């Protein structure tokens, strides 16, 4: 699966006379998915109910948010 990106030029603010460097910036395709839409898609692939999946995803988001607010790093294998 290819990742869509665009070229973005950025300059060093400490050296404004130098030419900017080119960096890739990812581009999203289409609309974003909401948590209920993700839960619905996951339901189609598993034996769990929509409510079970939505509960797990909601708790996952809350726990990760709390850990990040507490200054901890969160590393989830094969995610994003």
Protein backbone atom coordinates (compact mmCIF):
# COMPACT_ATOMS: atom_id res chain seq x y z
CA UNK A 1 0.00 0.00 0.00
CA UNK A 2 1.46 3.33 -1.05
CA UNK A 3 1.39 6.39 1.17
CA UNK A 4 0.33 9.63 -0.48
CA UNK A 5 2.44 12.66 0.29
CA UNK A 6 3.18 16.16 -0.92
CA UNK A 7 6.43 18.12 -0.96
CA UNK A 8 6.71 20.93 1.59
CA UNK A 9 9.52 23.49 1.66
CA UNK A 10 10.72 24.59 5.10
CA UNK A 11 13.36 27.19 5.91
CA UNK A 12 15.60 27.37 8.91
CA UNK A 13 14.37 30.44 10.87
CA UNK A 14 17.89 31.05 12.15
CA UNK A 15 19.21 31.33 8.59
CA UNK A 16 16.50 32.99 6.48
CA UNK A 17 18.79 33.63 3.51
CA UNK A 18 19.39 29.91 2.87
CA UNK A 19 17.16 27.99 0.52
CA UNK A 20 14.49 25.88 2.15
CA UNK A 21 14.74 22.12 2.40
CA UNK A 22 12.07 19.86 0.93
CA UNK A 23 10.28 17.45 3.27
CA UNK A 24 7.47 14.96 2.62
CA UNK A 25 4.12 15.56 4.33
CA UNK A 26 1.49 12.82 4.34
CA UNK A 27 -1.86 13.53 2.71
CA UNK A 28 -5.06 11.89 3.94
CA UNK A 29 -7.52 10.50 1.45
CA UNK A 30 -11.22 10.99 2.07
CA UNK A 31 -12.97 11.70 5.34
CA UNK A 32 -11.78 10.60 8.76
CA UNK A 33 -13.43 7.68 10.54
CA UNK A 34 -15.15 8.11 13.88
CA UNK A 35 -14.90 5.65 16.75
CA UNK A 36 -18.38 4.21 16.05
CA UNK A 37 -17.43 3.65 12.39
CA UNK A 38 -14.22 1.88 13.41
CA UNK A 39 -16.19 -0.29 15.86
CA UNK A 40 -18.68 -1.20 13.13
CA UNK A 41 -15.89 -2.22 10.74
CA UNK A 42 -14.22 -4.29 13.46
CA UNK A 43 -17.52 -6.01 14.27
CA UNK A 44 -17.67 -7.27 10.69
CA UNK A 45 -14.29 -8.99 11.15
CA UNK A 46 -14.80 -10.61 14.56
CA UNK A 47 -17.22 -12.50 16.74
CA UNK A 48 -17.48 -9.63 19.23
CA UNK A 49 -20.52 -7.41 19.43
CA UNK A 50 -20.51 -3.77 18.39
CA UNK A 51 -20.97 -2.70 22.03
CA UNK A 52 -18.02 -4.82 23.22
CA UNK A 53 -15.72 -3.34 20.59
CA UNK A 54 -16.89 0.21 21.24
CA UNK A 55 -16.30 -0.26 24.97
CA UNK A 56 -12.77 -1.56 24.42
CA UNK A 57 -11.91 1.26 22.00
CA UNK A 58 -13.29 3.91 24.35
CA UNK A 59 -11.30 2.51 27.28
CA UNK A 60 -8.20 2.24 25.08
CA UNK A 61 -8.41 5.92 24.12
CA UNK A 62 -8.94 6.99 27.74
CA UNK A 63 -6.01 4.94 29.05
CA UNK A 64 -3.62 6.09 26.32
CA UNK A 65 -4.66 9.72 26.84
CA UNK A 66 -4.08 9.44 30.60
CA UNK A 67 -0.66 7.86 30.08
CA UNK A 68 0.37 10.62 27.66
CA UNK A 69 -0.87 13.33 30.04
CA UNK A 70 1.24 11.69 32.77
CA UNK A 71 4.30 12.10 30.54
CA UNK A 72 4.64 8.45 29.64
CA UNK A 73 5.49 7.17 26.18
CA UNK A 74 3.04 4.78 24.53
CA UNK A 75 4.37 2.33 21.97
CA UNK A 76 1.85 0.07 20.24
CA UNK A 77 3.36 -2.49 17.91
CA UNK A 78 2.18 -2.32 14.27
CA UNK A 79 0.03 0.76 14.89
CA UNK A 80 0.11 3.85 12.71
